[in-house]
Amino acid sequence: GGLTVGRWGLWVLTLLLTGLGFAGFGALVGAAARETRTALLATLMIALPLLFVGFLPDGGVAEALTAVVPFAPATDAYQTLLVEPSVPASLAVDLGHSVLLGATLAIAAGLVLRRRDPGS
């Protein structure tokens, strides 16, 4: 089949909203680490195995794990934009899931920072 690529506005919106999910993930890892080098190494050590979990069939541990990290909703949103001839409601669900994960992870990062800094 052909690819549907004429939705440039939706592509920009999808990139921004899925980016929020990844930003929350990075903020949480950065808040948990005390130094920049440690945060970078921890992010790679966490993110690379999670990418490979996405290749496992649905069900069990893989499905539960991908529900709490922003990789799965972002992948689903991009696949929807590339393959579906019309824009289904599942795109809004995937984008909302990504934003919700980003907000939850950012709040968790704030709590980690507040707990680590006794002056707040």
PDB file of N, CA and C in Angstrom:
ATOM      1  N   GLY A   1       0.802  -1.171   0.000  1.00  0.00           N
ATOM      2  CA  GLY A   1       0.000   0.000   0.000  1.00  0.00           C
ATOM      3  C   GLY A   1       0.853   1.245   0.000  1.00  0.00           C
ATOM      4  N   GLY A   2       0.215   2.346  -0.314  1.00  0.00           N
ATOM      5  CA  GLY A   2       0.903   3.634  -0.326  1.00  0.00           C
ATOM      6  C   GLY A   2       0.927   4.269   1.057  1.00  0.00           C
ATOM      7  N   LEU A   3       1.868   5.154   1.254  1.00  0.00           N
ATOM      8  CA  LEU A   3       1.966   5.890   2.507  1.00  0.00           C
ATOM      9  C   LEU A   3       1.204   7.197   2.396  1.00  0.00           C
ATOM     10  N   THR A   4       0.529   7.573   3.472  1.00  0.00           N
ATOM     11  CA  THR A   4      -0.190   8.837   3.515  1.00  0.00           C
ATOM     12  C   THR A   4       0.697   9.849   4.219  1.00  0.00           C
ATOM     13  N   VAL A   5       1.162  10.860   3.482  1.00  0.00           N
ATOM     14  CA  VAL A   5       2.098  11.815   4.078  1.00  0.00           C
ATOM     15  C   VAL A   5       1.641  13.262   3.951  1.00  0.00           C
ATOM     16  N   GLY A   6       0.450  13.531   3.519  1.00  0.00           N
ATOM     17  CA  GLY A   6       0.006  14.896   3.276  1.00  0.00           C
ATOM     18  C   GLY A   6      -0.533  15.626   4.487  1.00  0.00           C
ATOM     19  N   ARG A   7      -0.295  15.156   5.659  1.00  0.00           N
ATOM     20  CA  ARG A   7      -0.861  15.764   6.868  1.00  0.00           C
ATOM     21  C   ARG A   7       0.225  16.470   7.670  1.00  0.00           C
ATOM     22  N   TRP A   8       0.795  17.515   7.136  1.00  0.00           N
ATOM     23  CA  TRP A   8       1.946  18.154   7.776  1.00  0.00           C
ATOM     24  C   TRP A   8       1.593  18.769   9.119  1.00  0.00           C
ATOM     25  N   GLY A   9       0.420  19.331   9.261  1.00  0.00           N
ATOM     26  CA  GLY A   9       0.015  19.904  10.542  1.00  0.00           C
ATOM     27  C   GLY A   9      -0.076  18.846  11.639  1.00  0.00           C
ATOM     28  N   LEU A  10      -0.618  17.680  11.282  1.00  0.00           N
ATOM     29  CA  LEU A  10      -0.704  16.592  12.257  1.00  0.00           C
ATOM     30  C   LEU A  10       0.671  16.047  12.617  1.00  0.00           C
ATOM     31  N   TRP A  11       1.594  16.043  11.647  1.00  0.00           N
ATOM     32  CA  TRP A  11       2.954  15.579  11.936  1.00  0.00           C
ATOM     33  C   TRP A  11       3.622  16.481  12.958  1.00  0.00           C
ATOM     34  N   VAL A  12       3.484  17.801  12.783  1.00  0.00           N
ATOM     35  CA  VAL A  12       4.103  18.742  13.729  1.00  0.00           C
ATOM     36  C   VAL A  12       3.479  18.583  15.113  1.00  0.00           C
ATOM     37  N   LEU A  13       2.155  18.498  15.162  1.00  0.00           N
ATOM     38  CA  LEU A  13       1.469  18.308  16.437  1.00  0.00           C
ATOM     39  C   LEU A  13       1.894  17.009  17.108  1.00  0.00           C
ATOM     40  N   THR A  14       1.988  15.937  16.335  1.00  0.00           N
ATOM     41  CA  THR A  14       2.395  14.646  16.887  1.00  0.00           C
ATOM     42  C   THR A  14       3.825  14.691  17.409  1.00  0.00           C
ATOM     43  N   LEU A  15       4.715  15.322  16.665  1.00  0.00           N
ATOM     44  CA  LEU A  15       6.101  15.443  17.131  1.00  0.00           C
ATOM     45  C   LEU A  15       6.182  16.228  18.438  1.00  0.00           C
ATOM     46  N   LEU A  16       5.416  17.303  18.547  1.00  0.00           N
ATOM     47  CA  LEU A  16       5.439  18.101  19.770  1.00  0.00           C
ATOM     48  C   LEU A  16       4.861  17.347  20.964  1.00  0.00           C
ATOM     49  N   LEU A  17       3.726  16.700  20.761  1.00  0.00           N
ATOM     50  CA  LEU A  17       3.069  16.031  21.892  1.00  0.00           C
ATOM     51  C   LEU A  17       3.790  14.756  22.324  1.00  0.00           C
ATOM     52  N   THR A  18       4.335  14.003  21.379  1.00  0.00           N
ATOM     53  CA  THR A  18       5.104  12.830  21.793  1.00  0.00           C
ATOM     54  C   THR A  18       6.435  13.260  22.407  1.00  0.00           C
ATOM     55  N   GLY A  19       6.950  14.401  21.967  1.00  0.00           N
ATOM     56  CA  GLY A  19       8.162  14.943  22.581  1.00  0.00           C
ATOM     57  C   GLY A  19       7.954  15.279  24.049  1.00  0.00           C
ATOM     58  N   LEU A  20       6.743  15.688  24.413  1.00  0.00           N
ATOM     59  CA  LEU A  20       6.448  15.960  25.819  1.00  0.00           C
ATOM     60  C   LEU A  20       6.575  14.690  26.667  1.00  0.00           C
ATOM     61  N   GLY A  21       6.146  13.574  26.101  1.00  0.00           N
ATOM     62  CA  GLY A  21       6.278  12.308  26.818  1.00  0.00           C
ATOM     63  C   GLY A  21       7.730  11.949  27.067  1.00  0.00           C
ATOM     64  N   PHE A  22       8.557  12.119  26.034  1.00  0.00           N
ATOM     65  CA  PHE A  22       9.976  11.811  26.179  1.00  0.00           C
ATOM     66  C   PHE A  22      10.676  12.820  27.084  1.00  0.00           C
ATOM     67  N   ALA A  23      10.222  14.068  27.077  1.00  0.00           N
ATOM     68  CA  ALA A  23      10.805  15.080  27.960  1.00  0.00           C
ATOM     69  C   ALA A  23      10.546  14.733  29.432  1.00  0.00           C
ATOM     70  N   GLY A  24       9.356  14.262  29.734  1.00  0.00           N
ATOM     71  CA  GLY A  24       9.056  13.843  31.101  1.00  0.00           C
ATOM     72  C   GLY A  24       9.913  12.665  31.532  1.00  0.00           C
ATOM     73  N   PHE A  25      10.130  11.732  30.609  1.00  0.00           N
ATOM     74  CA  PHE A  25      10.985  10.575  30.893  1.00  0.00           C
ATOM     75  C   PHE A  25      12.415  11.032  31.188  1.00  0.00           C
ATOM     76  N   GLY A  26      12.930  11.924  30.348  1.00  0.00           N
ATOM     77  CA  GLY A  26      14.282  12.434  30.555  1.00  0.00           C
ATOM     78  C   GLY A  26      14.398  13.259  31.830  1.00  0.00           C
ATOM     79  N   ALA A  27      13.361  14.022  32.146  1.00  0.00           N
ATOM     80  CA  ALA A  27      13.389  14.827  33.369  1.00  0.00           C
ATOM     81  C   ALA A  27      13.422  13.942  34.614  1.00  0.00           C
ATOM     82  N   LEU A  28      12.690  12.857  34.587  1.00  0.00           N
ATOM     83  CA  LEU A  28      12.689  11.953  35.735  1.00  0.00           C
ATOM     84  C   LEU A  28      14.049  11.292  35.924  1.00  0.00           C
ATOM     85  N   VAL A  29      14.638  10.820  34.842  1.00  0.00           N
ATOM     86  CA  VAL A  29      15.964  10.193  34.946  1.00  0.00           C
ATOM     87  C   VAL A  29      16.994  11.227  35.379  1.00  0.00           C
ATOM     88  N   GLY A  30      16.913  12.433  34.817  1.00  0.00           N
ATOM     89  CA  GLY A  30      17.840  13.499  35.203  1.00  0.00           C
ATOM     90  C   GLY A  30      17.676  13.917  36.659  1.00  0.00           C
ATOM     91  N   ALA A  31      16.459  13.915  37.159  1.00  0.00           N
ATOM     92  CA  ALA A  31      16.229  14.284  38.558  1.00  0.00           C
ATOM     93  C   ALA A  31      16.749  13.215  39.511  1.00  0.00           C
ATOM     94  N   ALA A  32      16.654  11.967  39.089  1.00  0.00           N
ATOM     95  CA  ALA A  32      17.127  10.886  39.950  1.00  0.00           C
ATOM     96  C   ALA A  32      18.646  10.826  39.997  1.00  0.00           C
ATOM     97  N   ALA A  33      19.305  11.252  38.928  1.00  0.00           N
ATOM     98  CA  ALA A  33      20.776  11.246  38.892  1.00  0.00           C
ATOM     99  C   ALA A  33      21.276  12.590  39.415  1.00  0.00           C
ATOM    100  N   ARG A  34      22.441  12.581  39.994  1.00  0.00           N
ATOM    101  CA  ARG A  34      22.978  13.819  40.557  1.00  0.00           C
ATOM    102  C   ARG A  34      23.890  14.570  39.599  1.00  0.00           C
ATOM    103  N   GLU A  35      24.452  13.908  38.627  1.00  0.00           N
ATOM    104  CA  GLU A  35      25.375  14.549  37.698  1.00  0.00           C
ATOM    105  C   GLU A  35      24.907  14.327  36.265  1.00  0.00           C
ATOM    106  N   THR A  36      25.376  15.176  35.369  1.00  0.00           N
ATOM    107  CA  THR A  36      24.984  15.094  33.963  1.00  0.00           C
ATOM    108  C   THR A  36      25.457  13.801  33.324  1.00  0.00           C
ATOM    109  N   ARG A  37      26.690  13.426  33.577  1.00  0.00           N
ATOM    110  CA  ARG A  37      27.210  12.191  32.977  1.00  0.00           C
ATOM    111  C   ARG A  37      26.445  10.977  33.472  1.00  0.00           C
ATOM    112  N   THR A  38      26.111  10.986  34.747  1.00  0.00           N
ATOM    113  CA  THR A  38      25.344   9.881  35.315  1.00  0.00           C
ATOM    114  C   THR A  38      23.953   9.815  34.692  1.00  0.00           C
ATOM    115  N   ALA A  39      23.329  10.981  34.508  1.00  0.00           N
ATOM    116  CA  ALA A  39      21.983  11.017  33.916  1.00  0.00           C
ATOM    117  C   ALA A  39      22.008  10.499  32.485  1.00  0.00           C
ATOM    118  N   LEU A  40      23.008  10.879  31.710  1.00  0.00           N
ATOM    119  CA  LEU A  40      23.113  10.413  30.328  1.00  0.00           C
ATOM    120  C   LEU A  40      23.307   8.901  30.264  1.00  0.00           C
ATOM    121  N   LEU A  41      24.196   8.391  31.088  1.00  0.00           N
ATOM    122  CA  LEU A  41      24.451   6.958  31.100  1.00  0.00           C
ATOM    123  C   LEU A  41      23.223   6.187  31.572  1.00  0.00           C
ATOM    124  N   ALA A  42      22.556   6.695  32.607  1.00  0.00           N
ATOM    125  CA  ALA A  42      21.352   6.027  33.111  1.00  0.00           C
ATOM    126  C   ALA A  42      20.243   6.033  32.059  1.00  0.00           C
ATOM    127  N   THR A  43      20.096   7.133  31.339  1.00  0.00           N
ATOM    128  CA  THR A  43      19.072   7.202  30.302  1.00  0.00           C
ATOM    129  C   THR A  43      19.327   6.171  29.212  1.00  0.00           C
ATOM    130  N   LEU A  44      20.563   6.058  28.778  1.00  0.00           N
ATOM    131  CA  LEU A  44      20.884   5.051  27.762  1.00  0.00           C
ATOM    132  C   LEU A  44      20.679   3.638  28.288  1.00  0.00           C
ATOM    133  N   MET A  45      21.057   3.405  29.528  1.00  0.00           N
ATOM    134  CA  MET A  45      20.911   2.064  30.101  1.00  0.00           C
ATOM    135  C   MET A  45      19.446   1.677  30.277  1.00  0.00           C
ATOM    136  N   ILE A  46      18.580   2.669  30.462  1.00  0.00           N
ATOM    137  CA  ILE A  46      17.154   2.389  30.626  1.00  0.00           C
ATOM    138  C   ILE A  46      16.441   2.345  29.277  1.00  0.00           C
ATOM    139  N   ALA A  47      16.746   3.313  28.396  1.00  0.00           N
ATOM    140  CA  ALA A  47      15.996   3.459  27.148  1.00  0.00           C
ATOM    141  C   ALA A  47      16.293   2.354  26.138  1.00  0.00           C
ATOM    142  N   LEU A  48      17.532   1.942  26.008  1.00  0.00           N
ATOM    143  CA  LEU A  48      17.851   0.928  24.999  1.00  0.00           C
ATOM    144  C   LEU A  48      17.136  -0.402  25.229  1.00  0.00           C
ATOM    145  N   PRO A  49      17.135  -0.949  26.434  1.00  0.00           N
ATOM    146  CA  PRO A  49      16.348  -2.179  26.627  1.00  0.00           C
ATOM    147  C   PRO A  49      14.847  -1.970  26.405  1.00  0.00           C
ATOM    148  N   LEU A  50      14.336  -0.776  26.752  1.00  0.00           N
ATOM    149  CA  LEU A  50      12.914  -0.512  26.537  1.00  0.00           C
ATOM    150  C   LEU A  50      12.558  -0.481  25.062  1.00  0.00           C
ATOM    151  N   LEU A  51      13.482  -0.031  24.239  1.00  0.00           N
ATOM    152  CA  LEU A  51      13.236  -0.042  22.798  1.00  0.00           C
ATOM    153  C   LEU A  51      13.069  -1.470  22.282  1.00  0.00           C
ATOM    154  N   PHE A  52      13.860  -2.384  22.792  1.00  0.00           N
ATOM    155  CA  PHE A  52      13.764  -3.767  22.343  1.00  0.00           C
ATOM    156  C   PHE A  52      12.525  -4.467  22.900  1.00  0.00           C
ATOM    157  N   VAL A  53      12.003  -4.002  24.032  1.00  0.00           N
ATOM    158  CA  VAL A  53      10.769  -4.571  24.570  1.00  0.00           C
ATOM    159  C   VAL A  53       9.624  -4.325  23.602  1.00  0.00           C
ATOM    160  N   GLY A  54       9.699  -3.228  22.849  1.00  0.00           N
ATOM    161  CA  GLY A  54       8.666  -2.925  21.866  1.00  0.00           C
ATOM    162  C   GLY A  54       8.547  -3.963  20.767  1.00  0.00           C
ATOM    163  N   PHE A  55       9.584  -4.763  20.551  1.00  0.00           N
ATOM    164  CA  PHE A  55       9.536  -5.805  19.530  1.00  0.00           C
ATOM    165  C   PHE A  55       8.883  -7.088  20.020  1.00  0.00           C
ATOM    166  N   LEU A  56       8.658  -7.216  21.320  1.00  0.00           N
ATOM    167  CA  LEU A  56       8.025  -8.411  21.858  1.00  0.00           C
ATOM    168  C   LEU A  56       6.539  -8.401  21.542  1.00  0.00           C
ATOM    169  N   PRO A  57       5.941  -9.574  21.417  1.00  0.00           N
ATOM    170  CA  PRO A  57       4.500  -9.610  21.160  1.00  0.00           C
ATOM    171  C   PRO A  57       3.719  -9.045  22.354  1.00  0.00           C
ATOM    172  N   ASP A  58       2.527  -8.520  22.049  1.00  0.00           N
ATOM    173  CA  ASP A  58       1.698  -7.942  23.103  1.00  0.00           C
ATOM    174  C   ASP A  58       1.316  -8.992  24.135  1.00  0.00           C
ATOM    175  N   GLY A  59       1.172  -8.516  25.367  1.00  0.00           N
ATOM    176  CA  GLY A  59       0.772  -9.397  26.451  1.00  0.00           C
ATOM    177  C   GLY A  59       1.861  -9.511  27.493  1.00  0.00           C
ATOM    178  N   GLY A  60       1.449  -9.716  28.715  1.00  0.00           N
ATOM    179  CA  GLY A  60       2.394  -9.953  29.797  1.00  0.00           C
ATOM    180  C   GLY A  60       3.196  -8.725  30.179  1.00  0.00           C
ATOM    181  N   VAL A  61       4.464  -8.959  30.456  1.00  0.00           N
ATOM    182  CA  VAL A  61       5.361  -7.929  30.962  1.00  0.00           C
ATOM    183  C   VAL A  61       5.580  -6.820  29.940  1.00  0.00           C
ATOM    184  N   ALA A  62       5.714  -7.181  28.677  1.00  0.00           N
ATOM    185  CA  ALA A  62       5.971  -6.175  27.635  1.00  0.00           C
ATOM    186  C   ALA A  62       4.832  -5.168  27.546  1.00  0.00           C
ATOM    187  N   GLU A  63       3.605  -5.629  27.600  1.00  0.00           N
ATOM    188  CA  GLU A  63       2.462  -4.726  27.500  1.00  0.00           C
ATOM    189  C   GLU A  63       2.359  -3.833  28.730  1.00  0.00           C
ATOM    190  N   ALA A  64       2.596  -4.383  29.914  1.00  0.00           N
ATOM    191  CA  ALA A  64       2.552  -3.585  31.135  1.00  0.00           C
ATOM    192  C   ALA A  64       3.667  -2.538  31.161  1.00  0.00           C
ATOM    193  N   LEU A  65       4.839  -2.921  30.683  1.00  0.00           N
ATOM    194  CA  LEU A  65       5.972  -1.995  30.687  1.00  0.00           C
ATOM    195  C   LEU A  65       5.785  -0.870  29.681  1.00  0.00           C
ATOM    196  N   THR A  66       5.291  -1.179  28.497  1.00  0.00           N
ATOM    197  CA  THR A  66       5.106  -0.135  27.495  1.00  0.00           C
ATOM    198  C   THR A  66       3.948   0.795  27.824  1.00  0.00           C
ATOM    199  N   ALA A  67       3.096   0.422  28.763  1.00  0.00           N
ATOM    200  CA  ALA A  67       2.001   1.304  29.172  1.00  0.00           C
ATOM    201  C   ALA A  67       2.484   2.449  30.049  1.00  0.00           C
ATOM    202  N   VAL A  68       3.677   2.339  30.631  1.00  0.00           N
ATOM    203  CA  VAL A  68       4.169   3.375  31.548  1.00  0.00           C
ATOM    204  C   VAL A  68       5.378   4.129  31.011  1.00  0.00           C
ATOM    205  N   VAL A  69       5.786   3.872  29.784  1.00  0.00           N
ATOM    206  CA  VAL A  69       6.862   4.639  29.152  1.00  0.00           C
ATOM    207  C   VAL A  69       6.319   5.204  27.834  1.00  0.00           C
ATOM    208  N   PRO A  70       6.848   6.335  27.370  1.00  0.00           N
ATOM    209  CA  PRO A  70       6.243   6.992  26.202  1.00  0.00           C
ATOM    210  C   PRO A  70       6.558   6.381  24.849  1.00  0.00           C
ATOM    211  N   PHE A  71       7.282   5.275  24.774  1.00  0.00           N
ATOM    212  CA  PHE A  71       7.658   4.707  23.485  1.00  0.00           C
ATOM    213  C   PHE A  71       6.466   4.132  22.732  1.00  0.00           C
ATOM    214  N   ALA A  72       5.608   3.397  23.407  1.00  0.00           N
ATOM    215  CA  ALA A  72       4.485   2.730  22.734  1.00  0.00           C
ATOM    216  C   ALA A  72       3.471   3.712  22.154  1.00  0.00           C
ATOM    217  N   PRO A  73       2.977   4.716  22.917  1.00  0.00           N
ATOM    218  CA  PRO A  73       2.008   5.629  22.293  1.00  0.00           C
ATOM    219  C   PRO A  73       2.614   6.441  21.148  1.00  0.00           C
ATOM    220  N   ALA A  74       3.898   6.778  21.244  1.00  0.00           N
ATOM    221  CA  ALA A  74       4.542   7.520  20.158  1.00  0.00           C
ATOM    222  C   ALA A  74       4.631   6.655  18.910  1.00  0.00           C
ATOM    223  N   THR A  75       5.024   5.413  19.067  1.00  0.00           N
ATOM    224  CA  THR A  75       5.116   4.506  17.921  1.00  0.00           C
ATOM    225  C   THR A  75       3.753   4.303  17.274  1.00  0.00           C
ATOM    226  N   ASP A  76       2.725   4.122  18.097  1.00  0.00           N
ATOM    227  CA  ASP A  76       1.373   3.943  17.559  1.00  0.00           C
ATOM    228  C   ASP A  76       0.903   5.191  16.805  1.00  0.00           C
ATOM    229  N   ALA A  77       1.198   6.372  17.334  1.00  0.00           N
ATOM    230  CA  ALA A  77       0.785   7.613  16.675  1.00  0.00           C
ATOM    231  C   ALA A  77       1.476   7.773  15.326  1.00  0.00           C
ATOM    232  N   TYR A  78       2.775   7.512  15.267  1.00  0.00           N
ATOM    233  CA  TYR A  78       3.505   7.644  14.005  1.00  0.00           C
ATOM    234  C   TYR A  78       3.043   6.598  12.989  1.00  0.00           C
ATOM    235  N   GLN A  79       2.766   5.407  13.448  1.00  0.00           N
ATOM    236  CA  GLN A  79       2.281   4.364  12.543  1.00  0.00           C
ATOM    237  C   GLN A  79       0.908   4.754  11.984  1.00  0.00           C
ATOM    238  N   THR A  80       0.059   5.323  12.828  1.00  0.00           N
ATOM    239  CA  THR A  80      -1.255   5.771  12.367  1.00  0.00           C
ATOM    240  C   THR A  80      -1.119   6.842  11.303  1.00  0.00           C
ATOM    241  N   LEU A  81      -0.217   7.800  11.516  1.00  0.00           N
ATOM    242  CA  LEU A  81      -0.041   8.873  10.533  1.00  0.00           C
ATOM    243  C   LEU A  81       0.516   8.356   9.209  1.00  0.00           C
ATOM    244  N   LEU A  82       1.366   7.350   9.284  1.00  0.00           N
ATOM    245  CA  LEU A  82       1.971   6.826   8.061  1.00  0.00           C
ATOM    246  C   LEU A  82       1.048   5.908   7.270  1.00  0.00           C
ATOM    247  N   VAL A  83       0.266   5.089   7.944  1.00  0.00           N
ATOM    248  CA  VAL A  83      -0.428   4.000   7.272  1.00  0.00           C
ATOM    249  C   VAL A  83      -1.910   4.269   7.039  1.00  0.00           C
ATOM    250  N   GLU A  84      -2.592   4.861   8.003  1.00  0.00           N
ATOM    251  CA  GLU A  84      -4.050   5.001   7.893  1.00  0.00           C
ATOM    252  C   GLU A  84      -4.430   6.051   6.848  1.00  0.00           C
ATOM    253  N   PRO A  85      -5.377   5.739   5.972  1.00  0.00           N
ATOM    254  CA  PRO A  85      -5.786   6.721   4.963  1.00  0.00           C
ATOM    255  C   PRO A  85      -6.579   7.892   5.545  1.00  0.00           C
ATOM    256  N   SER A  86      -7.314   7.651   6.623  1.00  0.00           N
ATOM    257  CA  SER A  86      -8.028   8.729   7.306  1.00  0.00           C
ATOM    258  C   SER A  86      -7.492   8.803   8.738  1.00  0.00           C
ATOM    259  N   VAL A  87      -7.771   9.896   9.409  1.00  0.00           N
ATOM    260  CA  VAL A  87      -7.269  10.077  10.768  1.00  0.00           C
ATOM    261  C   VAL A  87      -8.285   9.494  11.746  1.00  0.00           C
ATOM    262  N   PRO A  88      -7.971   8.338  12.344  1.00  0.00           N
ATOM    263  CA  PRO A  88      -8.910   7.732  13.298  1.00  0.00           C
ATOM    264  C   PRO A  88      -8.804   8.395  14.671  1.00  0.00           C
ATOM    265  N   ALA A  89      -9.784   8.109  15.515  1.00  0.00           N
ATOM    266  CA  ALA A  89      -9.794   8.650  16.873  1.00  0.00           C
ATOM    267  C   ALA A  89      -8.660   8.074  17.717  1.00  0.00           C
ATOM    268  N   SER A  90      -8.094   6.954  17.297  1.00  0.00           N
ATOM    269  CA  SER A  90      -7.006   6.354  18.073  1.00  0.00           C
ATOM    270  C   SER A  90      -5.773   7.254  18.099  1.00  0.00           C
ATOM    271  N   LEU A  91      -5.622   8.149  17.118  1.00  0.00           N
ATOM    272  CA  LEU A  91      -4.498   9.087  17.127  1.00  0.00           C
ATOM    273  C   LEU A  91      -4.617  10.032  18.317  1.00  0.00           C
ATOM    274  N   ALA A  92      -5.818  10.537  18.573  1.00  0.00           N
ATOM    275  CA  ALA A  92      -6.033  11.416  19.723  1.00  0.00           C
ATOM    276  C   ALA A  92      -5.785  10.668  21.029  1.00  0.00           C
ATOM    277  N   VAL A  93      -6.173   9.412  21.084  1.00  0.00           N
ATOM    278  CA  VAL A  93      -5.940   8.601  22.290  1.00  0.00           C
ATOM    279  C   VAL A  93      -4.438   8.405  22.512  1.00  0.00           C
ATOM    280  N   ASP A  94      -3.710   8.089  21.449  1.00  0.00           N
ATOM    281  CA  ASP A  94      -2.264   7.899  21.577  1.00  0.00           C
ATOM    282  C   ASP A  94      -1.561   9.182  21.987  1.00  0.00           C
ATOM    283  N   LEU A  95      -1.955  10.307  21.406  1.00  0.00           N
ATOM    284  CA  LEU A  95      -1.341  11.584  21.766  1.00  0.00           C
ATOM    285  C   LEU A  95      -1.692  11.979  23.200  1.00  0.00           C
ATOM    286  N   GLY A  96      -2.929  11.741  23.586  1.00  0.00           N
ATOM    287  CA  GLY A  96      -3.315  12.012  24.972  1.00  0.00           C
ATOM    288  C   GLY A  96      -2.565  11.143  25.955  1.00  0.00           C
ATOM    289  N   HIS A  97      -2.355   9.882  25.602  1.00  0.00           N
ATOM    290  CA  HIS A  97      -1.592   8.960  26.444  1.00  0.00           C
ATOM    291  C   HIS A  97      -0.160   9.458  26.598  1.00  0.00           C
ATOM    292  N   SER A  98       0.430   9.931  25.520  1.00  0.00           N
ATOM    293  CA  SER A  98       1.804  10.435  25.560  1.00  0.00           C
ATOM    294  C   SER A  98       1.902  11.680  26.435  1.00  0.00           C
ATOM    295  N   VAL A  99       0.956  12.598  26.296  1.00  0.00           N
ATOM    296  CA  VAL A  99       0.962  13.817  27.114  1.00  0.00           C
ATOM    297  C   VAL A  99       0.732  13.473  28.584  1.00  0.00           C
ATOM    298  N   LEU A 100      -0.184  12.560  28.856  1.00  0.00           N
ATOM    299  CA  LEU A 100      -0.450  12.151  30.238  1.00  0.00           C
ATOM    300  C   LEU A 100       0.780  11.501  30.868  1.00  0.00           C
ATOM    301  N   LEU A 101       1.459  10.652  30.107  1.00  0.00           N
ATOM    302  CA  LEU A 101       2.691  10.041  30.617  1.00  0.00           C
ATOM    303  C   LEU A 101       3.753  11.097  30.878  1.00  0.00           C
ATOM    304  N   GLY A 102       3.891  12.049  29.952  1.00  0.00           N
ATOM    305  CA  GLY A 102       4.876  13.114  30.131  1.00  0.00           C
ATOM    306  C   GLY A 102       4.596  13.939  31.368  1.00  0.00           C
ATOM    307  N   ALA A 103       3.337  14.295  31.582  1.00  0.00           N
ATOM    308  CA  ALA A 103       2.970  15.076  32.762  1.00  0.00           C
ATOM    309  C   ALA A 103       3.200  14.283  34.044  1.00  0.00           C
ATOM    310  N   THR A 104       2.833  13.015  34.031  1.00  0.00           N
ATOM    311  CA  THR A 104       3.031  12.169  35.213  1.00  0.00           C
ATOM    312  C   THR A 104       4.512  12.010  35.534  1.00  0.00           C
ATOM    313  N   LEU A 105       5.322  11.767  34.510  1.00  0.00           N
ATOM    314  CA  LEU A 105       6.755  11.614  34.731  1.00  0.00           C
ATOM    315  C   LEU A 105       7.398  12.921  35.164  1.00  0.00           C
ATOM    316  N   ALA A 106       6.930  14.050  34.638  1.00  0.00           N
ATOM    317  CA  ALA A 106       7.466  15.352  35.056  1.00  0.00           C
ATOM    318  C   ALA A 106       7.100  15.657  36.510  1.00  0.00           C
ATOM    319  N   ILE A 107       5.892  15.307  36.917  1.00  0.00           N
ATOM    320  CA  ILE A 107       5.494  15.491  38.316  1.00  0.00           C
ATOM    321  C   ILE A 107       6.337  14.602  39.220  1.00  0.00           C
ATOM    322  N   ALA A 108       6.577  13.377  38.793  1.00  0.00           N
ATOM    323  CA  ALA A 108       7.441  12.481  39.564  1.00  0.00           C
ATOM    324  C   ALA A 108       8.856  13.050  39.664  1.00  0.00           C
ATOM    325  N   ALA A 109       9.344  13.660  38.581  1.00  0.00           N
ATOM    326  CA  ALA A 109      10.678  14.282  38.614  1.00  0.00           C
ATOM    327  C   ALA A 109      10.697  15.432  39.611  1.00  0.00           C
ATOM    328  N   GLY A 110       9.639  16.223  39.636  1.00  0.00           N
ATOM    329  CA  GLY A 110       9.559  17.310  40.620  1.00  0.00           C
ATOM    330  C   GLY A 110       9.554  16.796  42.046  1.00  0.00           C
ATOM    331  N   LEU A 111       8.849  15.698  42.278  1.00  0.00           N
ATOM    332  CA  LEU A 111       8.835  15.111  43.627  1.00  0.00           C
ATOM    333  C   LEU A 111      10.204  14.569  44.018  1.00  0.00           C
ATOM    334  N   VAL A 112      10.898  13.975  43.054  1.00  0.00           N
ATOM    335  CA  VAL A 112      12.251  13.469  43.339  1.00  0.00           C
ATOM    336  C   VAL A 112      13.182  14.620  43.690  1.00  0.00           C
ATOM    337  N   LEU A 113      13.090  15.713  42.933  1.00  0.00           N
ATOM    338  CA  LEU A 113      13.939  16.870  43.222  1.00  0.00           C
ATOM    339  C   LEU A 113      13.599  17.491  44.564  1.00  0.00           C
ATOM    340  N   ARG A 114      12.328  17.586  44.882  1.00  0.00           N
ATOM    341  CA  ARG A 114      11.923  18.168  46.162  1.00  0.00           C
ATOM    342  C   ARG A 114      12.381  17.303  47.332  1.00  0.00           C
ATOM    343  N   ARG A 115      12.300  16.005  47.150  1.00  0.00           N
ATOM    344  CA  ARG A 115      12.721  15.089  48.215  1.00  0.00           C
ATOM    345  C   ARG A 115      14.241  15.110  48.407  1.00  0.00           C
ATOM    346  N   ARG A 116      14.964  15.285  47.284  1.00  0.00           N
ATOM    347  CA  ARG A 116      16.423  15.307  47.340  1.00  0.00           C
ATOM    348  C   ARG A 116      16.942  16.613  47.912  1.00  0.00           C
ATOM    349  N   ASP A 117      16.244  17.731  47.671  1.00  0.00           N
ATOM    350  CA  ASP A 117      16.690  19.030  48.146  1.00  0.00           C
ATOM    351  C   ASP A 117      15.941  19.378  49.437  1.00  0.00           C
ATOM    352  N   PRO A 118      16.595  19.283  50.599  1.00  0.00           N
ATOM    353  CA  PRO A 118      15.894  19.518  51.866  1.00  0.00           C
ATOM    354  C   PRO A 118      15.535  20.982  52.089  1.00  0.00           C
ATOM    355  N   GLY A 119      16.061  21.916  51.297  1.00  0.00           N
ATOM    356  CA  GLY A 119      15.769  23.327  51.466  1.00  0.00           C
ATOM    357  C   GLY A 119      14.398  23.727  50.954  1.00  0.00           C
ATOM    358  N   SER A 120      13.723  22.879  50.160  1.00  0.00           N
ATOM    359  CA  SER A 120      12.418  23.249  49.595  1.00  0.00           C
ATOM    360  C   SER A 120      11.289  22.899  50.514  1.00  0.00           C
TER     361      SER A 120
END
